Amino acid sequence: MSDQPDLARADLLGMLADMTAKPVDQVSHRVGSMELAWLVHLVEQRYQRRLDLTDDQLAAIRTVDDALAVFRTSLTSATDG
């Protein structure tokens, strides 16, 4: 799929490492509300578009992997139209 965003798990972990001032290998893979808000903000800046996430999508994000899946889906659907 050529429209797949280049966002990777390592990108999200790096963003969280910057937020917490911890090395990447010490960043928790659990995502709380503060971390989620930070990630959404940075991903929106990186791709220069708003992630229009539903309440259900937001509630489903508990880990970095969850966030990656939701963000990729949102970014892909935004490019599809």
C-alpha atoms as a PDB file:
ATOM      1  CA  MET A   1       0.000   0.000   0.000  1.00  0.00           C
ATOM      2  CA  SER A   2       1.809   3.094  -1.168  1.00  0.00           C
ATOM      3  CA  ASP A   3      -0.396   5.463   0.868  1.00  0.00           C
ATOM      4  CA  GLN A   4       0.707   3.854   4.143  1.00  0.00           C
ATOM      5  CA  PRO A   5       2.194   6.597   6.351  1.00  0.00           C
ATOM      6  CA  ASP A   6       5.837   6.209   7.293  1.00  0.00           C
ATOM      7  CA  LEU A   7       4.977   6.413  10.998  1.00  0.00           C
ATOM      8  CA  ALA A   8       6.682   3.638  12.971  1.00  0.00           C
ATOM      9  CA  ARG A   9       6.596   2.369  16.525  1.00  0.00           C
ATOM     10  CA  ALA A  10      10.111   3.724  17.039  1.00  0.00           C
ATOM     11  CA  ASP A  11       8.862   7.206  16.095  1.00  0.00           C
ATOM     12  CA  LEU A  12       6.218   7.132  18.818  1.00  0.00           C
ATOM     13  CA  LEU A  13       8.666   5.798  21.391  1.00  0.00           C
ATOM     14  CA  GLY A  14      11.095   8.566  20.457  1.00  0.00           C
ATOM     15  CA  MET A  15       8.373  11.175  20.914  1.00  0.00           C
ATOM     16  CA  LEU A  16       7.574   9.772  24.356  1.00  0.00           C
ATOM     17  CA  ALA A  17      11.272   9.677  25.248  1.00  0.00           C
ATOM     18  CA  ASP A  18      11.539  13.369  24.377  1.00  0.00           C
ATOM     19  CA  MET A  19       8.489  14.130  26.509  1.00  0.00           C
ATOM     20  CA  THR A  20       9.721  12.223  29.544  1.00  0.00           C
ATOM     21  CA  ALA A  21      13.444  13.001  29.118  1.00  0.00           C
ATOM     22  CA  LYS A  22      14.176   9.280  29.391  1.00  0.00           C
ATOM     23  CA  PRO A  23      16.141   7.007  27.086  1.00  0.00           C
ATOM     24  CA  VAL A  24      13.914   5.228  24.572  1.00  0.00           C
ATOM     25  CA  ASP A  25      14.554   1.856  26.213  1.00  0.00           C
ATOM     26  CA  GLN A  26      13.143   3.201  29.505  1.00  0.00           C
ATOM     27  CA  VAL A  27       9.934   4.617  28.070  1.00  0.00           C
ATOM     28  CA  SER A  28       6.753   2.903  29.207  1.00  0.00           C
ATOM     29  CA  HIS A  29       4.801   1.247  26.428  1.00  0.00           C
ATOM     30  CA  ARG A  30       1.590   2.139  28.254  1.00  0.00           C
ATOM     31  CA  VAL A  31      -0.043   5.372  27.095  1.00  0.00           C
ATOM     32  CA  GLY A  32      -1.948   7.576  29.515  1.00  0.00           C
ATOM     33  CA  SER A  33      -4.054  10.589  28.645  1.00  0.00           C
ATOM     34  CA  MET A  34      -1.148  13.047  28.863  1.00  0.00           C
ATOM     35  CA  GLU A  35       1.058  10.885  26.635  1.00  0.00           C
ATOM     36  CA  LEU A  36      -1.781  10.373  24.188  1.00  0.00           C
ATOM     37  CA  ALA A  37      -2.424  14.107  23.889  1.00  0.00           C
ATOM     38  CA  TRP A  38       1.304  14.656  23.272  1.00  0.00           C
ATOM     39  CA  LEU A  39       1.479  11.952  20.609  1.00  0.00           C
ATOM     40  CA  VAL A  40      -1.617  13.231  18.798  1.00  0.00           C
ATOM     41  CA  HIS A  41      -0.170  16.742  18.794  1.00  0.00           C
ATOM     42  CA  LEU A  42       3.207  15.640  17.418  1.00  0.00           C
ATOM     43  CA  VAL A  43       1.742  13.340  14.782  1.00  0.00           C
ATOM     44  CA  GLU A  44      -0.573  16.125  13.616  1.00  0.00           C
ATOM     45  CA  GLN A  45       2.416  18.462  13.349  1.00  0.00           C
ATOM     46  CA  ARG A  46       4.530  15.886  11.527  1.00  0.00           C
ATOM     47  CA  TYR A  47       1.896  15.161   8.881  1.00  0.00           C
ATOM     48  CA  GLN A  48       0.395  18.662   8.872  1.00  0.00           C
ATOM     49  CA  ARG A  49      -3.140  17.440   9.221  1.00  0.00           C
ATOM     50  CA  ARG A  50      -5.661  16.943  11.966  1.00  0.00           C
ATOM     51  CA  LEU A  51      -6.284  13.444  13.264  1.00  0.00           C
ATOM     52  CA  ASP A  52     -10.054  13.281  13.541  1.00  0.00           C
ATOM     53  CA  LEU A  53     -10.215  10.518  16.148  1.00  0.00           C
ATOM     54  CA  THR A  54     -13.488   9.248  17.550  1.00  0.00           C
ATOM     55  CA  ASP A  55     -14.105   8.696  21.240  1.00  0.00           C
ATOM     56  CA  ASP A  56     -13.997   4.949  20.594  1.00  0.00           C
ATOM     57  CA  GLN A  57     -10.606   5.205  18.884  1.00  0.00           C
ATOM     58  CA  LEU A  58      -9.202   7.289  21.717  1.00  0.00           C
ATOM     59  CA  ALA A  59     -10.571   4.900  24.340  1.00  0.00           C
ATOM     60  CA  ALA A  60      -8.944   1.966  22.550  1.00  0.00           C
ATOM     61  CA  ILE A  61      -5.460   3.445  22.879  1.00  0.00           C
ATOM     62  CA  ARG A  62      -3.715   1.989  25.900  1.00  0.00           C
ATOM     63  CA  THR A  63      -0.295   1.164  24.483  1.00  0.00           C
ATOM     64  CA  VAL A  64       2.162   2.482  21.927  1.00  0.00           C
ATOM     65  CA  ASP A  65       1.088  -0.309  19.564  1.00  0.00           C
ATOM     66  CA  ASP A  66      -2.571   0.715  19.939  1.00  0.00           C
ATOM     67  CA  ALA A  67      -1.663   4.327  19.175  1.00  0.00           C
ATOM     68  CA  LEU A  68       0.336   3.315  16.121  1.00  0.00           C
ATOM     69  CA  ALA A  69      -2.550   1.295  14.695  1.00  0.00           C
ATOM     70  CA  VAL A  70      -5.101   4.069  15.276  1.00  0.00           C
ATOM     71  CA  PHE A  71      -2.827   6.821  13.936  1.00  0.00           C
ATOM     72  CA  ARG A  72      -1.963   4.847  10.810  1.00  0.00           C
ATOM     73  CA  THR A  73      -5.635   4.155  10.147  1.00  0.00           C
ATOM     74  CA  SER A  74      -6.519   7.803  10.607  1.00  0.00           C
ATOM     75  CA  LEU A  75      -3.660   9.046   8.434  1.00  0.00           C
ATOM     76  CA  THR A  76      -4.435   6.527   5.691  1.00  0.00           C
ATOM     77  CA  SER A  77      -8.151   7.360   5.638  1.00  0.00           C
ATOM     78  CA  ALA A  78      -7.310  11.066   5.480  1.00  0.00           C
ATOM     79  CA  THR A  79      -5.273  10.513   2.320  1.00  0.00           C
ATOM     80  CA  ASP A  80      -7.953   8.324   0.768  1.00  0.00           C
ATOM     81  CA  GLY A  81     -10.418  11.144   0.753  1.00  0.00           C
END
